[in-house]
Amino acid sequence: MASWEHFSHGSDIGVRGTGNSVEEAFEQAAIALTAVVADVATIEQSETIEVQCDAPDLELLLVSWLNAVIYEMAVRRMLFCKFRIVLAGCSLTGTLGGEKVDPERHQVAVEAKGATVTALRVTCDQNGQWLAQCVIDV
């Protein structure tokens, strides 16, 4: 079952996504990232953005993916609520669905500065459940 959560880590915050596939776990980690910044339920999907990432392994690919989401948030002044990724080895193509920040509807709590390698894990348990997590610098 896909889900996301936050975990505390000093002055920063950890994001964790789980799912039945590594793709689903990465997508859930991106939702957790968005939830650090604003209430995901207030975000509508009116635009889509495509991103691509490459890394030498799945753990660093998670960091690259989340940093790509953070970059698009900052540059486009957008929030995202829907994520879909396709993996080919350690290459990722992602589609981000969201909208421009609307201060009347979106209560932006903090700015995510970057995904880090702190507490970085991408693993699959014996039941086939994937976990993807790291700490976000805020």
N, C-alpha and C. Protein backbone atom coordinates (compact mmCIF):
# COMPACT_ATOMS: atom_id res chain seq x y z
N MET A 1 0.83 -1.18 0.00
CA MET A 1 0.00 0.00 0.00
C MET A 1 0.88 1.25 0.00
N ALA A 2 0.59 2.18 -0.86
CA ALA A 2 1.38 3.41 -0.98
C ALA A 2 1.03 4.37 0.16
N SER A 3 2.06 4.99 0.72
CA SER A 3 1.85 5.98 1.77
C SER A 3 3.09 6.85 1.89
N TRP A 4 2.94 7.93 2.64
CA TRP A 4 4.07 8.79 2.91
C TRP A 4 3.99 9.25 4.36
N GLU A 5 5.12 9.71 4.88
CA GLU A 5 5.15 10.26 6.23
C GLU A 5 6.40 11.13 6.38
N HIS A 6 6.40 11.89 7.45
CA HIS A 6 7.56 12.70 7.83
C HIS A 6 8.19 12.05 9.05
N PHE A 7 9.49 12.27 9.21
CA PHE A 7 10.16 11.88 10.46
C PHE A 7 11.08 13.02 10.85
N SER A 8 11.22 13.24 12.15
CA SER A 8 12.01 14.38 12.61
C SER A 8 13.50 14.06 12.56
N HIS A 9 14.26 15.12 12.30
CA HIS A 9 15.71 15.00 12.23
C HIS A 9 16.32 16.36 12.51
N GLY A 10 16.61 16.62 13.76
CA GLY A 10 17.21 17.90 14.14
C GLY A 10 16.34 19.06 13.71
N SER A 11 16.96 20.04 13.05
CA SER A 11 16.20 21.21 12.59
C SER A 11 15.62 20.99 11.20
N ASP A 12 15.93 19.86 10.58
CA ASP A 12 15.41 19.55 9.25
C ASP A 12 14.27 18.54 9.39
N ILE A 13 13.78 18.03 8.27
CA ILE A 13 12.68 17.06 8.32
C ILE A 13 12.92 15.93 7.33
N GLY A 14 12.61 14.73 7.77
CA GLY A 14 12.75 13.57 6.91
C GLY A 14 11.47 13.30 6.16
N VAL A 15 11.61 12.80 4.94
CA VAL A 15 10.46 12.39 4.14
C VAL A 15 10.63 10.91 3.82
N ARG A 16 9.50 10.21 3.86
CA ARG A 16 9.53 8.77 3.62
C ARG A 16 8.34 8.39 2.75
N GLY A 17 8.60 7.64 1.70
CA GLY A 17 7.54 7.13 0.85
C GLY A 17 7.62 5.62 0.80
N THR A 18 6.46 4.96 0.78
CA THR A 18 6.43 3.51 0.63
C THR A 18 5.47 3.15 -0.48
N GLY A 19 5.70 1.99 -1.09
CA GLY A 19 4.83 1.55 -2.16
C GLY A 19 5.14 0.14 -2.60
N ASN A 20 4.33 -0.37 -3.52
CA ASN A 20 4.49 -1.72 -4.05
C ASN A 20 5.58 -1.79 -5.12
N SER A 21 6.12 -0.64 -5.51
CA SER A 21 7.21 -0.57 -6.48
C SER A 21 8.13 0.57 -6.07
N VAL A 22 9.34 0.56 -6.58
CA VAL A 22 10.26 1.66 -6.28
C VAL A 22 9.69 2.97 -6.84
N GLU A 23 9.03 2.90 -7.99
CA GLU A 23 8.43 4.11 -8.57
C GLU A 23 7.38 4.70 -7.63
N GLU A 24 6.52 3.83 -7.10
CA GLU A 24 5.47 4.29 -6.19
C GLU A 24 6.08 4.89 -4.92
N ALA A 25 7.14 4.29 -4.38
CA ALA A 25 7.81 4.83 -3.20
C ALA A 25 8.41 6.21 -3.48
N PHE A 26 9.02 6.39 -4.66
CA PHE A 26 9.57 7.70 -5.04
C PHE A 26 8.45 8.73 -5.18
N GLU A 27 7.34 8.35 -5.79
CA GLU A 27 6.21 9.27 -5.94
C GLU A 27 5.67 9.69 -4.58
N GLN A 28 5.57 8.75 -3.65
CA GLN A 28 5.08 9.06 -2.31
C GLN A 28 6.07 9.95 -1.55
N ALA A 29 7.36 9.74 -1.75
CA ALA A 29 8.36 10.60 -1.12
C ALA A 29 8.22 12.03 -1.63
N ALA A 30 7.88 12.19 -2.90
CA ALA A 30 7.67 13.54 -3.46
C ALA A 30 6.42 14.20 -2.85
N ILE A 31 5.38 13.42 -2.59
CA ILE A 31 4.20 13.97 -1.92
C ILE A 31 4.57 14.41 -0.51
N ALA A 32 5.36 13.58 0.19
CA ALA A 32 5.82 13.96 1.53
C ALA A 32 6.63 15.25 1.48
N LEU A 33 7.46 15.41 0.46
CA LEU A 33 8.22 16.64 0.27
C LEU A 33 7.28 17.84 0.12
N THR A 34 6.28 17.71 -0.74
CA THR A 34 5.32 18.81 -0.92
C THR A 34 4.62 19.13 0.39
N ALA A 35 4.29 18.11 1.17
CA ALA A 35 3.58 18.31 2.43
C ALA A 35 4.44 19.02 3.48
N VAL A 36 5.75 19.04 3.30
CA VAL A 36 6.62 19.83 4.16
C VAL A 36 6.36 21.31 3.91
N VAL A 37 6.10 21.65 2.64
CA VAL A 37 5.98 23.04 2.21
C VAL A 37 4.56 23.57 2.40
N ALA A 38 3.55 22.77 2.04
CA ALA A 38 2.16 23.24 2.07
C ALA A 38 1.22 22.03 2.19
N ASP A 39 -0.05 22.31 2.42
CA ASP A 39 -1.07 21.27 2.51
C ASP A 39 -1.37 20.75 1.10
N VAL A 40 -1.04 19.50 0.85
CA VAL A 40 -1.20 18.91 -0.49
C VAL A 40 -2.66 18.97 -0.94
N ALA A 41 -3.60 18.85 -0.01
CA ALA A 41 -5.02 18.85 -0.36
C ALA A 41 -5.49 20.16 -0.98
N THR A 42 -4.75 21.25 -0.79
CA THR A 42 -5.14 22.55 -1.35
C THR A 42 -4.60 22.79 -2.75
N ILE A 43 -3.80 21.85 -3.25
CA ILE A 43 -3.14 22.04 -4.54
C ILE A 43 -3.95 21.36 -5.64
N GLU A 44 -4.17 22.08 -6.73
CA GLU A 44 -4.88 21.54 -7.88
C GLU A 44 -3.88 21.23 -8.99
N GLN A 45 -4.25 20.31 -9.84
CA GLN A 45 -3.37 19.93 -10.96
C GLN A 45 -3.86 20.64 -12.22
N SER A 46 -3.31 21.82 -12.48
CA SER A 46 -3.69 22.56 -13.68
C SER A 46 -2.58 22.60 -14.73
N GLU A 47 -1.35 22.25 -14.31
CA GLU A 47 -0.21 22.22 -15.22
C GLU A 47 0.61 20.97 -14.95
N THR A 48 1.32 20.49 -15.97
CA THR A 48 2.26 19.39 -15.78
C THR A 48 3.64 19.81 -16.28
N ILE A 49 4.63 19.32 -15.58
CA ILE A 49 6.04 19.60 -15.89
C ILE A 49 6.74 18.25 -15.97
N GLU A 50 7.65 18.09 -16.92
CA GLU A 50 8.41 16.85 -17.02
C GLU A 50 9.85 17.11 -16.62
N VAL A 51 10.41 16.17 -15.86
CA VAL A 51 11.81 16.25 -15.43
C VAL A 51 12.51 14.94 -15.72
N GLN A 52 13.82 15.00 -15.83
CA GLN A 52 14.62 13.79 -16.02
C GLN A 52 15.81 13.82 -15.07
N CYS A 53 16.14 12.66 -14.52
CA CYS A 53 17.24 12.54 -13.59
C CYS A 53 18.01 11.26 -13.88
N ASP A 54 19.30 11.30 -13.62
CA ASP A 54 20.16 10.13 -13.71
C ASP A 54 21.05 10.10 -12.48
N ALA A 55 21.41 8.91 -12.05
CA ALA A 55 22.31 8.76 -10.91
C ALA A 55 22.96 7.38 -10.98
N PRO A 56 24.05 7.18 -10.25
CA PRO A 56 24.73 5.89 -10.30
C PRO A 56 24.00 4.77 -9.55
N ASP A 57 23.07 5.11 -8.64
CA ASP A 57 22.31 4.09 -7.91
C ASP A 57 20.96 4.65 -7.51
N LEU A 58 20.08 3.78 -7.00
CA LEU A 58 18.71 4.20 -6.66
C LEU A 58 18.68 5.22 -5.53
N GLU A 59 19.57 5.08 -4.55
CA GLU A 59 19.56 6.04 -3.44
C GLU A 59 19.88 7.45 -3.93
N LEU A 60 20.93 7.59 -4.71
CA LEU A 60 21.27 8.92 -5.23
C LEU A 60 20.23 9.40 -6.25
N LEU A 61 19.57 8.47 -6.90
CA LEU A 61 18.48 8.85 -7.81
C LEU A 61 17.32 9.46 -7.03
N LEU A 62 17.03 8.95 -5.84
CA LEU A 62 15.99 9.56 -5.00
C LEU A 62 16.34 11.01 -4.67
N VAL A 63 17.59 11.25 -4.28
CA VAL A 63 18.04 12.61 -3.97
C VAL A 63 17.91 13.50 -5.21
N SER A 64 18.35 13.00 -6.37
CA SER A 64 18.24 13.78 -7.62
C SER A 64 16.79 14.09 -7.95
N TRP A 65 15.92 13.10 -7.79
CA TRP A 65 14.49 13.28 -8.06
C TRP A 65 13.88 14.35 -7.15
N LEU A 66 14.11 14.24 -5.86
CA LEU A 66 13.53 15.22 -4.95
C LEU A 66 14.13 16.61 -5.17
N ASN A 67 15.41 16.68 -5.50
CA ASN A 67 16.01 17.98 -5.81
C ASN A 67 15.45 18.56 -7.10
N ALA A 68 15.10 17.73 -8.06
CA ALA A 68 14.45 18.22 -9.29
C ALA A 68 13.08 18.81 -8.96
N VAL A 69 12.34 18.15 -8.07
CA VAL A 69 11.03 18.67 -7.64
C VAL A 69 11.22 20.02 -6.93
N ILE A 70 12.20 20.09 -6.02
CA ILE A 70 12.47 21.33 -5.29
C ILE A 70 12.85 22.45 -6.27
N TYR A 71 13.68 22.14 -7.24
CA TYR A 71 14.10 23.12 -8.25
C TYR A 71 12.88 23.66 -9.00
N GLU A 72 12.01 22.77 -9.45
CA GLU A 72 10.82 23.20 -10.21
C GLU A 72 9.90 24.04 -9.33
N MET A 73 9.77 23.69 -8.05
CA MET A 73 8.96 24.49 -7.12
C MET A 73 9.50 25.92 -7.05
N ALA A 74 10.82 26.04 -6.90
CA ALA A 74 11.45 27.35 -6.72
C ALA A 74 11.42 28.18 -7.99
N VAL A 75 11.83 27.60 -9.10
CA VAL A 75 11.97 28.35 -10.35
C VAL A 75 10.61 28.74 -10.93
N ARG A 76 9.67 27.82 -10.88
CA ARG A 76 8.35 28.07 -11.47
C ARG A 76 7.35 28.66 -10.47
N ARG A 77 7.75 28.73 -9.19
CA ARG A 77 6.85 29.19 -8.12
C ARG A 77 5.55 28.38 -8.14
N MET A 78 5.75 27.05 -8.13
CA MET A 78 4.64 26.11 -8.20
C MET A 78 4.68 25.16 -7.02
N LEU A 79 3.51 24.56 -6.76
CA LEU A 79 3.38 23.45 -5.82
C LEU A 79 2.82 22.28 -6.61
N PHE A 80 3.22 21.08 -6.24
CA PHE A 80 2.81 19.89 -6.99
C PHE A 80 2.07 18.92 -6.08
N CYS A 81 1.06 18.27 -6.65
CA CYS A 81 0.24 17.33 -5.89
C CYS A 81 0.19 15.94 -6.50
N LYS A 82 0.57 15.81 -7.77
CA LYS A 82 0.55 14.52 -8.47
C LYS A 82 1.92 14.26 -9.08
N PHE A 83 2.39 13.05 -8.90
CA PHE A 83 3.69 12.66 -9.41
C PHE A 83 3.58 11.30 -10.08
N ARG A 84 4.22 11.18 -11.22
CA ARG A 84 4.27 9.89 -11.92
C ARG A 84 5.67 9.75 -12.48
N ILE A 85 6.31 8.63 -12.16
CA ILE A 85 7.66 8.42 -12.68
C ILE A 85 7.76 7.10 -13.42
N VAL A 86 8.73 7.07 -14.33
CA VAL A 86 9.09 5.86 -15.06
C VAL A 86 10.60 5.69 -14.88
N LEU A 87 11.00 4.52 -14.43
CA LEU A 87 12.41 4.22 -14.24
C LEU A 87 12.92 3.32 -15.35
N ALA A 88 14.13 3.59 -15.77
CA ALA A 88 14.86 2.72 -16.69
C ALA A 88 16.25 2.59 -16.09
N GLY A 89 16.47 1.55 -15.30
CA GLY A 89 17.72 1.42 -14.57
C GLY A 89 17.80 2.53 -13.54
N CYS A 90 18.84 3.34 -13.63
CA CYS A 90 19.01 4.47 -12.71
C CYS A 90 18.76 5.80 -13.42
N SER A 91 17.86 5.76 -14.41
CA SER A 91 17.38 6.97 -15.08
C SER A 91 15.90 7.10 -14.80
N LEU A 92 15.47 8.30 -14.57
CA LEU A 92 14.09 8.56 -14.18
C LEU A 92 13.50 9.66 -15.06
N THR A 93 12.29 9.43 -15.53
CA THR A 93 11.50 10.47 -16.18
C THR A 93 10.27 10.67 -15.30
N GLY A 94 10.07 11.90 -14.88
CA GLY A 94 8.97 12.19 -13.97
C GLY A 94 8.06 13.26 -14.51
N THR A 95 6.78 13.10 -14.20
CA THR A 95 5.77 14.11 -14.52
C THR A 95 5.22 14.65 -13.22
N LEU A 96 5.27 15.97 -13.08
CA LEU A 96 4.81 16.67 -11.89
C LEU A 96 3.54 17.43 -12.26
N GLY A 97 2.47 17.23 -11.52
CA GLY A 97 1.23 17.95 -11.76
C GLY A 97 0.95 18.89 -10.61
N GLY A 98 0.66 20.14 -10.94
CA GLY A 98 0.40 21.11 -9.88
C GLY A 98 -0.05 22.44 -10.43
N GLU A 99 0.18 23.47 -9.64
CA GLU A 99 -0.26 24.82 -10.02
C GLU A 99 0.66 25.87 -9.40
N LYS A 100 0.53 27.09 -9.90
CA LYS A 100 1.27 28.23 -9.35
C LYS A 100 0.82 28.46 -7.91
N VAL A 101 1.74 28.91 -7.08
CA VAL A 101 1.41 29.21 -5.69
C VAL A 101 0.38 30.33 -5.65
N ASP A 102 -0.69 30.11 -4.91
CA ASP A 102 -1.74 31.10 -4.69
C ASP A 102 -1.76 31.40 -3.19
N PRO A 103 -1.22 32.56 -2.77
CA PRO A 103 -1.12 32.86 -1.34
C PRO A 103 -2.46 32.84 -0.61
N GLU A 104 -3.56 33.05 -1.33
CA GLU A 104 -4.87 33.02 -0.68
C GLU A 104 -5.32 31.60 -0.35
N ARG A 105 -4.83 30.61 -1.11
CA ARG A 105 -5.22 29.21 -0.87
C ARG A 105 -4.12 28.37 -0.27
N HIS A 106 -2.88 28.70 -0.54
CA HIS A 106 -1.75 27.88 -0.09
C HIS A 106 -1.03 28.55 1.07
N GLN A 107 -1.02 27.89 2.18
CA GLN A 107 -0.28 28.36 3.34
C GLN A 107 1.12 27.75 3.29
N VAL A 108 2.04 28.43 2.62
CA VAL A 108 3.40 27.92 2.48
C VAL A 108 4.10 28.08 3.83
N ALA A 109 4.49 26.93 4.42
CA ALA A 109 5.06 26.91 5.76
C ALA A 109 6.56 27.19 5.75
N VAL A 110 7.29 26.50 4.89
CA VAL A 110 8.75 26.64 4.81
C VAL A 110 9.18 26.48 3.36
N GLU A 111 10.42 26.83 3.10
CA GLU A 111 10.99 26.58 1.78
C GLU A 111 11.91 25.37 1.89
N ALA A 112 11.69 24.40 1.04
CA ALA A 112 12.60 23.24 0.98
C ALA A 112 13.83 23.68 0.21
N LYS A 113 15.00 23.53 0.82
CA LYS A 113 16.24 23.96 0.18
C LYS A 113 16.91 22.86 -0.62
N GLY A 114 16.77 21.61 -0.14
CA GLY A 114 17.40 20.52 -0.87
C GLY A 114 17.26 19.19 -0.17
N ALA A 115 17.26 18.13 -0.96
CA ALA A 115 17.30 16.78 -0.44
C ALA A 115 18.75 16.44 -0.13
N THR A 116 18.97 15.72 0.96
CA THR A 116 20.32 15.39 1.39
C THR A 116 20.52 13.88 1.42
N VAL A 117 21.75 13.46 1.66
CA VAL A 117 22.03 12.03 1.79
C VAL A 117 21.88 11.56 3.24
N THR A 118 21.49 12.45 4.13
CA THR A 118 21.26 12.08 5.52
C THR A 118 20.06 11.14 5.62
N ALA A 119 20.22 10.04 6.32
CA ALA A 119 19.19 9.01 6.51
C ALA A 119 18.67 8.46 5.18
N LEU A 120 19.50 8.53 4.15
CA LEU A 120 19.11 8.09 2.80
C LEU A 120 18.99 6.57 2.75
N ARG A 121 17.83 6.10 2.30
CA ARG A 121 17.59 4.67 2.13
C ARG A 121 16.59 4.43 1.02
N VAL A 122 16.88 3.47 0.17
CA VAL A 122 15.92 2.94 -0.79
C VAL A 122 16.06 1.43 -0.69
N THR A 123 15.03 0.78 -0.13
CA THR A 123 15.10 -0.65 0.12
C THR A 123 13.77 -1.33 -0.19
N CYS A 124 13.84 -2.62 -0.36
CA CYS A 124 12.65 -3.45 -0.55
C CYS A 124 12.67 -4.54 0.51
N ASP A 125 11.56 -4.68 1.26
CA ASP A 125 11.51 -5.70 2.31
C ASP A 125 11.11 -7.06 1.74
N GLN A 126 11.05 -8.05 2.58
CA GLN A 126 10.74 -9.41 2.16
C GLN A 126 9.33 -9.57 1.60
N ASN A 127 8.44 -8.60 1.86
CA ASN A 127 7.07 -8.64 1.34
C ASN A 127 6.93 -7.88 0.03
N GLY A 128 8.04 -7.36 -0.50
CA GLY A 128 7.98 -6.61 -1.76
C GLY A 128 7.57 -5.16 -1.60
N GLN A 129 7.58 -4.66 -0.35
CA GLN A 129 7.21 -3.27 -0.08
C GLN A 129 8.47 -2.41 -0.14
N TRP A 130 8.43 -1.37 -0.98
CA TRP A 130 9.56 -0.47 -1.15
C TRP A 130 9.49 0.70 -0.19
N LEU A 131 10.65 1.17 0.25
CA LEU A 131 10.77 2.34 1.10
C LEU A 131 11.80 3.27 0.47
N ALA A 132 11.48 4.56 0.41
CA ALA A 132 12.42 5.58 -0.10
C ALA A 132 12.38 6.74 0.86
N GLN A 133 13.54 7.09 1.43
CA GLN A 133 13.56 8.17 2.43
C GLN A 133 14.86 8.94 2.40
N CYS A 134 14.78 10.19 2.85
CA CYS A 134 15.96 11.02 3.10
C CYS A 134 15.51 12.24 3.89
N VAL A 135 16.49 13.05 4.28
CA VAL A 135 16.22 14.27 5.03
C VAL A 135 16.25 15.45 4.08
N ILE A 136 15.28 16.35 4.26
CA ILE A 136 15.17 17.57 3.47
C ILE A 136 15.68 18.75 4.29
N ASP A 137 16.58 19.50 3.71
CA ASP A 137 17.09 20.72 4.34
C ASP A 137 16.05 21.82 4.15
N VAL A 138 15.56 22.37 5.26
CA VAL A 138 14.55 23.45 5.19
C VAL A 138 15.07 24.72 5.79
